[in-house]
């Protein structure tokens, strides 16, 4: 059985900073990869933006679910000159399930913003499956996992 595929941020990238591996144009254009996929043997080598993302990665590893960390950035709105004005980078992609996961356990204002971006992503790309894991979802998963 193959190990999960994971992405490392570019060297020198601070946790929480935006890094883009691929861009998908609004309206369903092709995915344009911007850097190669880097397979890693353990999630220990990934610089997660938040501890909750590390916990999700650990759960996915425990259940031997293949995942990628922040593999794509979707352009949600572009400026007149074509530069991205608003974009969204889901936290995880589960290739065996063709599912994107966004983990949100932070302030309500950030949750509201993420909900809006996920809603817009679904409108622009109805073929994508995207799920948000809220704090309560993560708490339930961790309690189940601990049992």
N, C-alpha and C. Protein backbone atom coordinates (compact mmCIF):
# COMPACT_ATOMS: atom_id res chain seq x y z
N UNK A 1 0.85 -1.18 0.00
CA UNK A 1 0.00 0.00 0.00
C UNK A 1 0.89 1.23 0.00
N UNK A 2 0.53 2.22 -0.83
CA UNK A 2 1.36 3.41 -0.93
C UNK A 2 1.09 4.37 0.23
N UNK A 3 2.08 5.16 0.53
CA UNK A 3 1.96 6.16 1.61
C UNK A 3 1.21 7.37 1.09
N UNK A 4 0.60 8.13 1.99
CA UNK A 4 -0.11 9.34 1.56
C UNK A 4 0.83 10.32 0.87
N UNK A 5 0.27 11.04 -0.08
CA UNK A 5 1.00 12.06 -0.80
C UNK A 5 0.78 13.39 -0.11
N UNK A 6 1.85 14.06 0.21
CA UNK A 6 1.73 15.32 0.94
C UNK A 6 2.50 16.41 0.22
N UNK A 7 2.16 17.64 0.50
CA UNK A 7 2.82 18.78 -0.10
C UNK A 7 3.59 19.54 0.97
N UNK A 8 4.78 19.95 0.62
CA UNK A 8 5.56 20.81 1.50
C UNK A 8 5.51 22.23 0.96
N UNK A 9 5.42 23.22 1.85
CA UNK A 9 5.50 24.59 1.37
C UNK A 9 6.92 24.88 0.90
N UNK A 10 7.10 25.89 0.05
CA UNK A 10 8.45 26.22 -0.39
C UNK A 10 9.32 26.57 0.81
N UNK A 11 10.61 26.28 0.72
CA UNK A 11 11.50 26.60 1.83
C UNK A 11 11.46 28.09 2.09
N UNK A 12 11.45 28.44 3.35
CA UNK A 12 11.39 29.84 3.74
C UNK A 12 9.98 30.37 3.89
N UNK A 13 8.97 29.56 3.60
CA UNK A 13 7.58 30.00 3.72
C UNK A 13 7.18 29.96 5.19
N UNK A 14 6.59 31.05 5.66
CA UNK A 14 6.12 31.10 7.04
C UNK A 14 4.79 30.38 7.14
N UNK A 15 4.52 29.66 8.26
CA UNK A 15 3.21 29.06 8.44
C UNK A 15 2.13 30.14 8.33
N UNK A 16 1.08 29.82 7.63
CA UNK A 16 -0.02 30.74 7.47
C UNK A 16 0.11 31.65 6.26
N UNK A 17 1.29 31.67 5.62
CA UNK A 17 1.43 32.50 4.44
C UNK A 17 0.88 31.77 3.22
N UNK A 18 0.48 32.52 2.22
CA UNK A 18 -0.11 31.94 1.02
C UNK A 18 0.98 31.37 0.14
N UNK A 19 0.85 30.12 -0.21
CA UNK A 19 1.71 29.54 -1.24
C UNK A 19 0.80 28.80 -2.20
N UNK A 20 1.12 28.91 -3.48
CA UNK A 20 0.25 28.39 -4.51
C UNK A 20 0.98 27.29 -5.27
N UNK A 21 0.38 26.09 -5.32
CA UNK A 21 0.93 24.98 -6.09
C UNK A 21 0.34 24.94 -7.48
N UNK A 22 -0.94 25.31 -7.58
CA UNK A 22 -1.63 25.26 -8.87
C UNK A 22 -2.75 26.28 -8.83
N UNK A 23 -3.11 26.75 -9.99
CA UNK A 23 -4.18 27.73 -10.09
C UNK A 23 -5.25 27.16 -11.01
N UNK A 24 -6.50 27.32 -10.63
CA UNK A 24 -7.62 26.95 -11.47
C UNK A 24 -8.35 28.23 -11.81
N UNK A 25 -8.45 28.53 -13.09
CA UNK A 25 -9.09 29.76 -13.54
C UNK A 25 -10.58 29.73 -13.24
N UNK A 26 -11.19 30.90 -12.98
CA UNK A 26 -12.64 30.94 -12.78
C UNK A 26 -13.34 30.39 -14.01
N UNK A 27 -14.45 29.72 -13.80
CA UNK A 27 -15.20 29.15 -14.91
C UNK A 27 -14.73 27.76 -15.31
N UNK A 28 -13.83 27.16 -14.53
CA UNK A 28 -13.46 25.76 -14.76
C UNK A 28 -12.31 25.55 -15.70
N UNK A 29 -11.43 26.54 -15.87
CA UNK A 29 -10.27 26.35 -16.73
C UNK A 29 -9.37 25.25 -16.20
N UNK A 30 -8.38 24.91 -16.95
CA UNK A 30 -7.47 23.83 -16.59
C UNK A 30 -6.67 24.19 -15.34
N UNK A 31 -6.24 23.15 -14.61
CA UNK A 31 -5.37 23.33 -13.46
C UNK A 31 -3.96 23.56 -14.00
N UNK A 32 -3.34 24.62 -13.53
CA UNK A 32 -1.99 24.96 -13.97
C UNK A 32 -1.06 24.73 -12.79
N UNK A 33 -0.27 23.62 -12.80
CA UNK A 33 0.64 23.39 -11.68
C UNK A 33 1.78 24.40 -11.69
N UNK A 34 2.13 24.87 -10.50
CA UNK A 34 3.18 25.86 -10.38
C UNK A 34 4.45 25.31 -9.74
N UNK A 35 4.36 24.14 -9.14
CA UNK A 35 5.55 23.48 -8.62
C UNK A 35 5.28 22.00 -8.48
N UNK A 36 6.33 21.19 -8.43
CA UNK A 36 6.13 19.74 -8.40
C UNK A 36 5.58 19.25 -7.06
N UNK A 37 4.95 18.08 -7.11
CA UNK A 37 4.46 17.41 -5.91
C UNK A 37 5.66 16.79 -5.21
N UNK A 38 5.73 16.96 -3.90
CA UNK A 38 6.83 16.40 -3.12
C UNK A 38 6.28 15.33 -2.18
N UNK A 39 6.51 14.03 -2.46
CA UNK A 39 6.03 13.00 -1.54
C UNK A 39 6.88 12.98 -0.28
N UNK A 40 6.25 12.80 0.85
CA UNK A 40 6.93 12.79 2.14
C UNK A 40 6.42 11.58 2.92
N UNK A 41 7.26 10.95 3.71
CA UNK A 41 6.87 9.76 4.45
C UNK A 41 6.06 10.01 5.70
N UNK A 42 6.02 11.24 6.19
CA UNK A 42 5.31 11.52 7.43
C UNK A 42 4.81 12.95 7.42
N UNK A 43 3.70 13.20 8.10
CA UNK A 43 3.16 14.56 8.17
C UNK A 43 4.06 15.47 9.01
N UNK A 44 5.06 14.89 9.68
CA UNK A 44 5.97 15.71 10.48
C UNK A 44 6.74 16.71 9.63
N UNK A 45 6.90 16.44 8.33
CA UNK A 45 7.64 17.33 7.46
C UNK A 45 6.84 18.49 6.90
N UNK A 46 5.54 18.54 7.19
CA UNK A 46 4.67 19.59 6.64
C UNK A 46 4.52 20.71 7.66
N UNK A 47 4.63 21.95 7.20
CA UNK A 47 4.43 23.11 8.07
C UNK A 47 2.97 23.52 7.98
N UNK A 48 2.17 23.04 8.92
CA UNK A 48 0.75 23.35 8.93
C UNK A 48 0.53 24.77 9.45
N UNK A 49 -0.57 25.38 8.99
CA UNK A 49 -0.90 26.74 9.43
C UNK A 49 -1.48 26.77 10.83
N UNK A 50 -2.06 25.66 11.26
CA UNK A 50 -2.73 25.62 12.56
C UNK A 50 -2.64 24.20 13.13
N UNK A 51 -2.62 24.10 14.44
CA UNK A 51 -2.54 22.79 15.11
C UNK A 51 -3.69 21.87 14.71
N UNK A 52 -4.87 22.44 14.47
CA UNK A 52 -6.02 21.60 14.10
C UNK A 52 -5.77 20.88 12.77
N UNK A 53 -5.02 21.51 11.86
CA UNK A 53 -4.70 20.85 10.60
C UNK A 53 -3.76 19.66 10.85
N UNK A 54 -2.83 19.81 11.77
CA UNK A 54 -1.95 18.70 12.12
C UNK A 54 -2.76 17.55 12.69
N UNK A 55 -3.75 17.86 13.51
CA UNK A 55 -4.58 16.82 14.12
C UNK A 55 -5.39 16.08 13.06
N UNK A 56 -5.90 16.81 12.07
CA UNK A 56 -6.63 16.17 10.97
C UNK A 56 -5.69 15.27 10.18
N UNK A 57 -4.49 15.76 9.89
CA UNK A 57 -3.50 14.96 9.16
C UNK A 57 -3.17 13.67 9.93
N UNK A 58 -3.03 13.78 11.24
CA UNK A 58 -2.75 12.60 12.06
C UNK A 58 -3.89 11.59 11.98
N UNK A 59 -5.14 12.09 12.01
CA UNK A 59 -6.29 11.19 11.89
C UNK A 59 -6.32 10.52 10.51
N UNK A 60 -6.07 11.28 9.48
CA UNK A 60 -6.05 10.72 8.13
C UNK A 60 -4.96 9.66 8.00
N UNK A 61 -3.79 9.94 8.58
CA UNK A 61 -2.71 8.96 8.57
C UNK A 61 -3.11 7.69 9.33
N UNK A 62 -3.73 7.87 10.50
CA UNK A 62 -4.14 6.72 11.32
C UNK A 62 -5.05 5.79 10.52
N UNK A 63 -5.97 6.37 9.75
CA UNK A 63 -6.91 5.57 8.97
C UNK A 63 -6.38 5.28 7.56
N UNK A 64 -5.11 5.59 7.33
CA UNK A 64 -4.42 5.31 6.07
C UNK A 64 -5.17 5.92 4.88
N UNK A 65 -5.61 7.16 5.06
CA UNK A 65 -6.30 7.90 4.00
C UNK A 65 -5.27 8.81 3.33
N UNK A 66 -5.12 8.66 2.03
CA UNK A 66 -4.18 9.46 1.27
C UNK A 66 -4.67 10.91 1.22
N UNK A 67 -3.75 11.84 1.47
CA UNK A 67 -4.11 13.25 1.48
C UNK A 67 -3.00 14.11 0.92
N UNK A 68 -3.39 15.31 0.48
CA UNK A 68 -2.45 16.33 0.05
C UNK A 68 -2.78 17.59 0.84
N UNK A 69 -1.74 18.31 1.26
CA UNK A 69 -1.94 19.53 2.04
C UNK A 69 -1.87 20.76 1.13
N UNK A 70 -2.93 21.55 1.13
CA UNK A 70 -3.04 22.77 0.35
C UNK A 70 -2.53 22.60 -1.09
N UNK A 71 -3.10 21.64 -1.83
CA UNK A 71 -2.56 21.33 -3.16
C UNK A 71 -2.91 22.33 -4.25
N UNK A 72 -4.03 23.06 -4.11
CA UNK A 72 -4.46 23.96 -5.18
C UNK A 72 -5.06 25.22 -4.60
N UNK A 73 -4.89 26.28 -5.35
CA UNK A 73 -5.56 27.53 -5.05
C UNK A 73 -6.53 27.81 -6.18
N UNK A 74 -7.78 28.06 -5.83
CA UNK A 74 -8.81 28.36 -6.81
C UNK A 74 -9.05 29.86 -6.83
N UNK A 75 -8.97 30.45 -8.01
CA UNK A 75 -9.25 31.88 -8.16
C UNK A 75 -10.76 32.05 -8.15
N UNK A 76 -11.26 32.83 -7.19
CA UNK A 76 -12.70 33.05 -7.06
C UNK A 76 -13.14 34.34 -7.73
N UNK A 77 -12.22 35.30 -7.79
CA UNK A 77 -12.52 36.58 -8.43
C UNK A 77 -11.21 37.14 -8.96
N UNK A 78 -11.25 37.65 -10.19
CA UNK A 78 -10.06 38.21 -10.80
C UNK A 78 -10.25 39.70 -11.05
N UNK A 79 -9.16 40.44 -10.95
CA UNK A 79 -9.15 41.88 -11.26
C UNK A 79 -9.24 42.05 -12.78
N UNK A 80 -9.57 43.23 -13.26
CA UNK A 80 -9.66 43.45 -14.71
C UNK A 80 -8.38 43.08 -15.48
N UNK A 81 -7.22 43.20 -14.82
CA UNK A 81 -5.96 42.84 -15.49
C UNK A 81 -5.67 41.34 -15.43
N UNK A 82 -6.59 40.56 -14.81
CA UNK A 82 -6.44 39.11 -14.75
C UNK A 82 -5.79 38.58 -13.49
N UNK A 83 -5.23 39.47 -12.68
CA UNK A 83 -4.60 39.01 -11.43
C UNK A 83 -5.68 38.56 -10.46
N UNK A 84 -5.39 37.54 -9.63
CA UNK A 84 -6.38 37.09 -8.64
C UNK A 84 -6.73 38.20 -7.66
N UNK A 85 -8.01 38.40 -7.46
CA UNK A 85 -8.49 39.38 -6.49
C UNK A 85 -8.94 38.67 -5.22
N UNK A 86 -9.54 37.49 -5.40
CA UNK A 86 -9.93 36.64 -4.27
C UNK A 86 -9.66 35.19 -4.66
N UNK A 87 -9.06 34.45 -3.74
CA UNK A 87 -8.73 33.05 -4.01
C UNK A 87 -9.01 32.22 -2.76
N UNK A 88 -9.05 30.92 -2.96
CA UNK A 88 -9.32 30.01 -1.85
C UNK A 88 -8.45 28.78 -2.01
N UNK A 89 -7.75 28.41 -0.94
CA UNK A 89 -6.89 27.22 -0.92
C UNK A 89 -7.40 26.27 0.15
N UNK A 90 -8.13 25.22 -0.24
CA UNK A 90 -8.60 24.26 0.76
C UNK A 90 -7.40 23.61 1.47
N UNK A 91 -7.60 23.25 2.74
CA UNK A 91 -6.50 22.70 3.54
C UNK A 91 -6.04 21.33 3.05
N UNK A 92 -6.99 20.46 2.71
CA UNK A 92 -6.64 19.10 2.32
C UNK A 92 -7.39 18.68 1.06
N UNK A 93 -6.75 17.80 0.30
CA UNK A 93 -7.43 17.11 -0.79
C UNK A 93 -7.24 15.62 -0.56
N UNK A 94 -8.33 14.87 -0.60
CA UNK A 94 -8.30 13.42 -0.44
C UNK A 94 -8.51 12.81 -1.83
N UNK A 95 -7.43 12.48 -2.54
CA UNK A 95 -7.57 12.04 -3.94
C UNK A 95 -8.38 10.76 -4.11
N UNK A 96 -8.31 9.83 -3.17
CA UNK A 96 -9.07 8.58 -3.29
C UNK A 96 -10.57 8.81 -3.14
N UNK A 97 -10.95 9.94 -2.56
CA UNK A 97 -12.36 10.27 -2.35
C UNK A 97 -12.78 11.48 -3.19
N UNK A 98 -11.84 12.06 -3.94
CA UNK A 98 -12.08 13.25 -4.74
C UNK A 98 -12.81 14.31 -3.91
N UNK A 99 -12.22 14.63 -2.76
CA UNK A 99 -12.86 15.51 -1.78
C UNK A 99 -11.85 16.51 -1.23
N UNK A 100 -12.25 17.79 -1.17
CA UNK A 100 -11.46 18.82 -0.53
C UNK A 100 -12.02 19.05 0.87
N UNK A 101 -11.12 19.24 1.85
CA UNK A 101 -11.50 19.53 3.23
C UNK A 101 -10.93 20.88 3.63
N UNK A 102 -11.75 21.67 4.27
CA UNK A 102 -11.30 22.93 4.87
C UNK A 102 -11.53 22.82 6.37
N UNK A 103 -10.49 23.01 7.16
CA UNK A 103 -10.58 22.92 8.61
C UNK A 103 -10.70 24.32 9.16
N UNK A 104 -11.73 24.57 9.95
CA UNK A 104 -11.89 25.90 10.54
C UNK A 104 -12.28 25.76 12.01
N UNK A 105 -11.40 26.21 12.86
CA UNK A 105 -11.66 26.15 14.30
C UNK A 105 -11.40 27.51 14.94
N UNK A 106 -11.31 28.53 14.13
CA UNK A 106 -10.90 29.84 14.62
C UNK A 106 -12.09 30.74 14.92
N UNK A 107 -11.84 32.05 14.94
CA UNK A 107 -12.85 33.05 15.25
C UNK A 107 -14.03 32.98 14.26
N UNK A 108 -15.19 33.37 14.74
CA UNK A 108 -16.40 33.32 13.92
C UNK A 108 -16.27 34.17 12.66
N UNK A 109 -15.59 35.30 12.74
CA UNK A 109 -15.43 36.15 11.55
C UNK A 109 -14.68 35.40 10.45
N UNK A 110 -13.69 34.58 10.81
CA UNK A 110 -12.96 33.79 9.82
C UNK A 110 -13.83 32.65 9.29
N UNK A 111 -14.64 32.05 10.17
CA UNK A 111 -15.55 30.99 9.75
C UNK A 111 -16.53 31.53 8.71
N UNK A 112 -17.08 32.71 8.96
CA UNK A 112 -18.02 33.33 8.03
C UNK A 112 -17.35 33.58 6.68
N UNK A 113 -16.13 34.07 6.69
CA UNK A 113 -15.40 34.32 5.44
C UNK A 113 -15.14 33.02 4.70
N UNK A 114 -14.75 31.97 5.42
CA UNK A 114 -14.50 30.68 4.78
C UNK A 114 -15.79 30.10 4.21
N UNK A 115 -16.88 30.22 4.95
CA UNK A 115 -18.16 29.74 4.43
C UNK A 115 -18.51 30.43 3.11
N UNK A 116 -18.30 31.74 3.06
CA UNK A 116 -18.59 32.50 1.85
C UNK A 116 -17.71 32.03 0.69
N UNK A 117 -16.43 31.82 0.95
CA UNK A 117 -15.52 31.38 -0.11
C UNK A 117 -15.87 29.97 -0.59
N UNK A 118 -16.25 29.08 0.32
CA UNK A 118 -16.64 27.73 -0.08
C UNK A 118 -17.92 27.78 -0.91
N UNK A 119 -18.85 28.62 -0.51
CA UNK A 119 -20.10 28.77 -1.28
C UNK A 119 -19.79 29.28 -2.70
N UNK A 120 -18.91 30.25 -2.81
CA UNK A 120 -18.53 30.78 -4.11
C UNK A 120 -17.79 29.73 -4.94
N UNK A 121 -16.90 28.97 -4.30
CA UNK A 121 -16.18 27.90 -5.00
C UNK A 121 -17.17 26.88 -5.56
N UNK A 122 -18.17 26.52 -4.77
CA UNK A 122 -19.19 25.55 -5.24
C UNK A 122 -19.99 26.11 -6.42
N UNK A 123 -20.24 27.42 -6.41
CA UNK A 123 -20.96 28.03 -7.53
C UNK A 123 -20.11 28.01 -8.80
N UNK A 124 -18.82 28.32 -8.67
CA UNK A 124 -17.93 28.37 -9.83
C UNK A 124 -17.52 26.99 -10.32
N UNK A 125 -17.44 26.03 -9.39
CA UNK A 125 -16.97 24.67 -9.72
C UNK A 125 -17.92 23.65 -9.09
N UNK A 126 -19.14 23.51 -9.64
CA UNK A 126 -20.10 22.58 -9.04
C UNK A 126 -19.64 21.12 -9.09
N UNK A 127 -18.64 20.82 -9.91
CA UNK A 127 -18.13 19.46 -10.01
C UNK A 127 -17.23 19.08 -8.83
N UNK A 128 -16.79 20.07 -8.04
CA UNK A 128 -15.91 19.80 -6.90
C UNK A 128 -16.71 19.44 -5.66
N UNK A 129 -16.15 18.52 -4.89
CA UNK A 129 -16.73 18.17 -3.59
C UNK A 129 -15.87 18.83 -2.52
N UNK A 130 -16.50 19.71 -1.73
CA UNK A 130 -15.79 20.46 -0.69
C UNK A 130 -16.58 20.34 0.60
N UNK A 131 -15.91 20.03 1.69
CA UNK A 131 -16.54 19.95 3.00
C UNK A 131 -15.74 20.79 3.98
N UNK A 132 -16.47 21.44 4.88
CA UNK A 132 -15.82 22.21 5.94
C UNK A 132 -15.90 21.40 7.23
N UNK A 133 -14.77 21.26 7.89
CA UNK A 133 -14.74 20.64 9.23
C UNK A 133 -14.69 21.77 10.24
N UNK A 134 -15.76 21.92 11.00
CA UNK A 134 -15.83 22.95 12.04
C UNK A 134 -15.23 22.38 13.33
N UNK A 135 -15.05 23.23 14.31
CA UNK A 135 -14.48 22.80 15.59
C UNK A 135 -15.25 21.62 16.19
N UNK A 136 -16.58 21.70 16.17
CA UNK A 136 -17.39 20.62 16.76
C UNK A 136 -17.17 19.29 16.01
N UNK A 137 -17.00 19.36 14.67
CA UNK A 137 -16.73 18.15 13.89
C UNK A 137 -15.39 17.55 14.29
N UNK A 138 -14.39 18.40 14.40
CA UNK A 138 -13.06 17.92 14.77
C UNK A 138 -13.08 17.35 16.18
N UNK A 139 -13.78 18.01 17.12
CA UNK A 139 -13.88 17.50 18.49
C UNK A 139 -14.50 16.10 18.51
N UNK A 140 -15.57 15.91 17.73
CA UNK A 140 -16.24 14.60 17.66
C UNK A 140 -15.31 13.54 17.09
N UNK A 141 -14.59 13.89 16.03
CA UNK A 141 -13.65 12.95 15.42
C UNK A 141 -12.55 12.55 16.40
N UNK A 142 -12.05 13.53 17.14
CA UNK A 142 -10.96 13.24 18.07
C UNK A 142 -11.44 12.40 19.25
N UNK A 143 -12.67 12.64 19.71
CA UNK A 143 -13.21 11.80 20.79
C UNK A 143 -13.40 10.37 20.31
N UNK A 144 -13.93 10.21 19.10
CA UNK A 144 -14.12 8.88 18.52
C UNK A 144 -12.77 8.20 18.33
N UNK A 145 -11.80 8.95 17.87
CA UNK A 145 -10.45 8.41 17.62
C UNK A 145 -9.79 7.98 18.93
N UNK A 146 -10.01 8.74 19.99
CA UNK A 146 -9.38 8.45 21.28
C UNK A 146 -9.98 7.21 21.94
N UNK A 147 -11.22 6.88 21.58
CA UNK A 147 -11.90 5.75 22.22
C UNK A 147 -11.33 4.43 21.79
